[in-house]
Amino acid sequence: MLKILVVDDNKETVRAVRVYLERDGFQVFSAYDGETALHTLRREHPDLVLLDLMLPDRDGLDITRIVRRDATLKQIPIIMLTARVEDEDRITGLEIGADDYIVKPFNPREVVARVRSVLRRSTGAVLEEDGDRVLRYEGLRLDQSRRLLTLNDQPIDLTRIEFDLMHALMSSPEHVFTRSELIDTALNFDYEGMERSLDTHIKNLRKKIEPDPKNPQYIQTVYSIGYRLGGK
């Protein structure tokens, strides 16, 4: 069972988030101040931390800095929770090592979805000896720095859009992307007409990576929703 630490000085916020996370199968720990949060982090080594930016003693930015400097904790993903909406606060949090940022008020179901998304990303990427970020899924290997996809060590020739779509899919294996979500995640901007042509790009990708494109084992269709990489 994956462990989540929820840190917020508002006990009602912690309670609401805890209920939804536990319903989704997570084990939840809680802390209402920075010192307790650090103690729990070192004792429990959670798989992810939901961390309020404004706390009574140490704030979320300070805790994030401490975690990222600690060799035993630095790999733990952090999602910041805050009522602040200023870009500077969000950018500062991300620059010092936060993995995501959720602005209050929020829907607890959205928090659970973001938790799952960050956990997928954190386990889907590894750092190789040369420091290049590489994503792997079964026989697929995507080298982001070289913009190279290989299948069983054989290079696959992709267009720019195909590479970006594969990067999105491989960053969150088994996550079900809606068509619009896949476009947003892969391209990070509105691409006019892309939604209508997405199925064509997926079809072309399948021709390149699937042993049997009509019965795909990698890029699977989730009917009436979109696509995912792998899963059943």
Protein backbone atom coordinates (compact mmCIF):
# COMPACT_ATOMS: atom_id res chain seq x y z
CA MET A 1 0.00 0.00 0.00
CA LEU A 2 1.39 3.39 -1.01
CA LYS A 3 1.86 5.93 1.78
CA ILE A 4 0.86 9.59 1.50
CA LEU A 5 1.76 12.30 4.01
CA VAL A 6 -0.73 15.20 4.12
CA VAL A 7 0.66 18.37 5.74
CA ASP A 8 -1.74 21.27 6.40
CA ASP A 9 -2.56 23.35 9.47
CA ASN A 10 -6.26 23.21 8.56
CA LYS A 11 -7.50 19.97 10.13
CA GLU A 12 -10.69 19.98 8.07
CA THR A 13 -8.63 20.07 4.85
CA VAL A 14 -6.51 17.16 6.09
CA ARG A 15 -9.62 15.19 7.04
CA ALA A 16 -11.30 15.69 3.65
CA VAL A 17 -8.19 14.75 1.69
CA ARG A 18 -7.55 11.75 3.96
CA VAL A 19 -11.06 10.37 3.37
CA TYR A 20 -10.68 10.44 -0.42
CA LEU A 21 -7.13 9.08 -0.42
CA GLU A 22 -8.04 6.20 1.89
CA ARG A 23 -11.06 5.39 -0.27
CA ASP A 24 -8.64 5.12 -3.18
CA GLY A 25 -6.47 2.63 -1.32
CA PHE A 26 -3.68 4.82 0.08
CA GLN A 27 -2.31 4.75 3.62
CA VAL A 28 -2.43 8.32 4.93
CA PHE A 29 -0.32 10.07 7.56
CA SER A 30 -1.00 13.63 8.67
CA ALA A 31 0.88 16.58 10.15
CA TYR A 32 -0.32 20.08 11.04
CA ASP A 33 3.05 21.86 11.28
CA GLY A 34 6.46 21.73 9.66
CA GLU A 35 8.44 20.07 12.46
CA THR A 36 5.94 17.23 12.77
CA ALA A 37 5.98 16.85 9.01
CA LEU A 38 9.78 16.48 8.94
CA HIS A 39 9.67 13.97 11.79
CA THR A 40 7.01 11.90 9.99
CA LEU A 41 8.92 12.10 6.70
CA ARG A 42 12.07 10.68 8.30
CA ARG A 43 10.16 7.99 10.20
CA GLU A 44 7.71 6.79 7.53
CA HIS A 45 9.42 7.63 4.21
CA PRO A 46 6.08 8.19 2.41
CA ASP A 47 5.70 7.66 -1.31
CA LEU A 48 4.40 11.23 -1.78
CA VAL A 49 3.82 14.39 0.28
CA LEU A 50 0.90 16.80 -0.04
CA LEU A 51 2.40 19.93 1.50
CA ASP A 52 0.68 23.19 2.42
CA LEU A 53 2.76 26.25 1.55
CA MET A 54 1.73 28.25 4.66
CA LEU A 55 2.43 26.47 7.97
CA PRO A 56 2.77 27.79 11.56
CA ASP A 57 6.51 27.20 11.92
CA ARG A 58 8.45 26.06 8.85
CA ASP A 59 6.66 26.90 5.61
CA GLY A 60 6.27 24.51 2.68
CA LEU A 61 9.14 26.05 0.73
CA ASP A 62 11.52 25.54 3.66
CA ILE A 63 10.44 21.92 4.09
CA THR A 64 10.85 21.28 0.37
CA ARG A 65 14.41 22.64 0.47
CA ILE A 66 15.26 20.39 3.44
CA VAL A 67 13.79 17.32 1.74
CA ARG A 68 15.62 17.94 -1.52
CA ARG A 69 18.96 18.30 0.32
CA ASP A 70 18.47 15.03 2.24
CA ALA A 71 19.87 12.03 0.36
CA THR A 72 17.40 9.68 2.04
CA LEU A 73 14.32 11.80 1.23
CA LYS A 74 15.09 13.75 -1.94
CA GLN A 75 13.36 11.32 -4.31
CA ILE A 76 9.98 11.67 -2.57
CA PRO A 77 7.52 13.58 -4.82
CA ILE A 78 5.97 16.74 -3.36
CA ILE A 79 2.68 18.35 -4.36
CA MET A 80 2.21 21.81 -2.86
CA LEU A 81 -1.19 22.99 -1.60
CA THR A 82 -1.75 26.71 -1.29
CA ALA A 83 -4.32 29.48 -1.32
CA ARG A 84 -1.81 31.72 -3.09
CA VAL A 85 -2.30 32.15 -6.82
CA GLU A 86 0.65 34.38 -7.70
CA ASP A 87 2.87 32.99 -10.45
CA GLU A 88 6.00 33.85 -8.45
CA ASP A 89 4.99 31.55 -5.61
CA ARG A 90 4.17 28.72 -7.98
CA ILE A 91 7.41 29.13 -9.91
CA THR A 92 9.50 29.28 -6.74
CA GLY A 93 7.94 26.07 -5.48
CA LEU A 94 8.60 24.24 -8.71
CA GLU A 95 12.15 25.58 -8.99
CA ILE A 96 13.18 24.29 -5.58
CA GLY A 97 11.80 20.84 -6.25
CA ALA A 98 8.01 20.59 -5.95
CA ASP A 99 6.53 18.19 -8.50
CA ASP A 100 3.11 19.79 -8.79
CA TYR A 101 1.03 22.65 -7.40
CA ILE A 102 -2.67 22.68 -6.42
CA VAL A 103 -4.44 25.94 -5.58
CA LYS A 104 -7.10 26.04 -2.85
CA PRO A 105 -10.01 25.60 -2.77
CA PHE A 106 -9.83 22.27 -4.55
CA ASN A 107 -11.94 19.20 -5.12
CA PRO A 108 -10.48 16.26 -3.12
CA ARG A 109 -11.11 14.00 -6.11
CA GLU A 110 -8.83 16.23 -8.17
CA VAL A 111 -6.16 15.87 -5.49
CA VAL A 112 -6.38 12.06 -5.72
CA ALA A 113 -6.07 12.24 -9.51
CA ARG A 114 -3.03 14.52 -9.28
CA VAL A 115 -1.45 12.26 -6.65
CA ARG A 116 -1.81 9.26 -8.95
CA SER A 117 -0.44 11.23 -11.91
CA VAL A 118 2.67 12.38 -10.01
CA LEU A 119 3.27 8.88 -8.65
CA ARG A 120 3.13 7.47 -12.18
CA ARG A 121 5.61 10.08 -13.41
CA SER A 122 7.97 9.55 -10.52
CA THR A 123 8.17 5.80 -11.10
CA GLY A 124 8.18 5.93 -14.89
CA ALA A 125 11.49 7.79 -15.35
CA VAL A 126 15.02 6.78 -14.36
CA LEU A 127 18.33 8.59 -14.48
CA GLU A 128 21.04 6.77 -16.38
CA GLU A 129 24.76 7.04 -15.67
CA ASP A 130 25.24 9.80 -18.22
CA GLY A 131 22.51 11.86 -16.56
CA ASP A 132 20.12 11.73 -19.53
CA ARG A 133 16.49 11.28 -18.62
CA VAL A 134 15.15 8.06 -20.07
CA LEU A 135 11.64 6.57 -19.93
CA ARG A 136 11.10 2.84 -20.25
CA TYR A 137 8.08 0.63 -20.67
CA GLU A 138 8.66 -3.05 -21.40
CA GLY A 139 10.66 -3.09 -24.68
CA LEU A 140 10.24 0.64 -25.31
CA ARG A 141 12.98 3.11 -24.36
CA LEU A 142 12.57 6.86 -24.89
CA ASP A 143 15.65 9.07 -24.61
CA GLN A 144 14.42 12.62 -24.07
CA SER A 145 17.75 14.38 -24.62
CA ARG A 146 18.36 12.64 -27.96
CA ARG A 147 14.64 12.55 -28.86
CA LEU A 148 15.05 8.90 -29.72
CA LEU A 149 12.61 6.03 -29.26
CA THR A 150 13.84 2.43 -29.50
CA LEU A 151 11.89 -0.82 -29.41
CA ASN A 152 13.94 -3.82 -28.29
CA ASP A 153 17.07 -1.73 -29.00
CA GLN A 154 15.93 -0.92 -32.56
CA PRO A 155 15.45 2.80 -33.35
CA ILE A 156 11.95 3.90 -34.38
CA ASP A 157 11.66 6.83 -36.78
CA LEU A 158 9.07 9.25 -35.37
CA THR A 159 7.70 12.61 -36.39
CA ARG A 160 7.85 15.42 -33.82
CA ILE A 161 4.20 14.97 -32.89
CA GLU A 162 4.57 11.19 -32.62
CA PHE A 163 7.56 11.59 -30.30
CA ASP A 164 5.71 14.05 -28.06
CA LEU A 165 2.70 11.75 -27.88
CA MET A 166 4.92 8.80 -26.92
CA HIS A 167 6.62 10.94 -24.30
CA ALA A 168 3.25 11.77 -22.73
CA LEU A 169 2.10 8.14 -22.78
CA MET A 170 5.38 6.77 -21.40
CA SER A 171 5.51 9.40 -18.66
CA SER A 172 2.28 7.97 -17.18
CA PRO A 173 2.00 4.26 -18.02
CA GLU A 174 -1.53 2.83 -17.69
CA HIS A 175 -3.01 6.30 -17.16
CA VAL A 176 -6.12 6.78 -19.29
CA PHE A 177 -5.75 9.99 -21.28
CA THR A 178 -8.77 11.69 -22.79
CA ARG A 179 -8.06 12.95 -26.29
CA SER A 180 -7.90 16.57 -25.15
CA GLU A 181 -5.75 15.68 -22.11
CA LEU A 182 -3.29 13.80 -24.31
CA ILE A 183 -3.01 16.76 -26.64
CA ASP A 184 -2.48 19.19 -23.75
CA THR A 185 0.06 16.94 -22.02
CA ALA A 186 1.98 16.13 -25.19
CA LEU A 187 2.03 19.58 -26.79
CA ASN A 188 1.37 22.04 -23.94
CA PHE A 189 -0.66 24.33 -26.19
CA ASP A 190 -3.84 24.35 -28.24
CA TYR A 191 -3.18 22.66 -31.55
CA GLU A 192 -5.98 23.53 -33.94
CA GLY A 193 -7.43 20.44 -35.54
CA MET A 194 -5.24 18.11 -33.49
CA GLU A 195 -8.13 16.40 -31.73
CA ARG A 196 -9.65 15.43 -35.07
CA SER A 197 -6.35 14.02 -36.31
CA LEU A 198 -5.17 12.40 -33.06
CA ASP A 199 -6.57 9.00 -34.04
CA THR A 200 -4.51 9.14 -37.24
CA HIS A 201 -1.29 9.82 -35.31
CA ILE A 202 -2.06 6.96 -32.93
CA LYS A 203 -2.72 4.67 -35.89
CA ASN A 204 0.65 5.62 -37.40
CA LEU A 205 2.42 5.04 -34.07
CA ARG A 206 0.88 1.59 -33.80
CA LYS A 207 2.17 0.68 -37.25
CA LYS A 208 5.66 1.55 -36.05
CA ILE A 209 5.75 -0.10 -32.63
CA GLU A 210 3.06 -2.79 -32.45
CA PRO A 211 3.72 -6.41 -33.51
CA ASP A 212 0.04 -6.48 -34.56
CA PRO A 213 -1.41 -2.96 -34.94
CA LYS A 214 -4.96 -4.36 -34.99
CA ASN A 215 -4.40 -5.94 -31.56
CA PRO A 216 -2.12 -3.42 -29.83
CA GLN A 217 -0.21 -4.38 -26.70
CA TYR A 218 1.31 -0.95 -26.12
CA ILE A 219 -1.07 1.88 -27.13
CA GLN A 220 -4.54 0.76 -26.17
CA THR A 221 -7.87 2.39 -26.90
CA VAL A 222 -10.19 3.06 -23.97
CA TYR A 223 -13.50 3.34 -25.72
CA SER A 224 -15.43 6.60 -25.37
CA ILE A 225 -12.52 8.11 -23.43
CA GLY A 226 -9.13 8.04 -25.16
CA TYR A 227 -5.88 6.09 -24.93
CA ARG A 228 -3.40 4.61 -22.48
CA LEU A 229 -0.02 2.88 -22.61
CA GLY A 230 -0.34 -0.73 -21.46
CA GLY A 231 -2.69 -2.02 -18.80
CA LYS A 232 -5.63 -4.33 -19.17
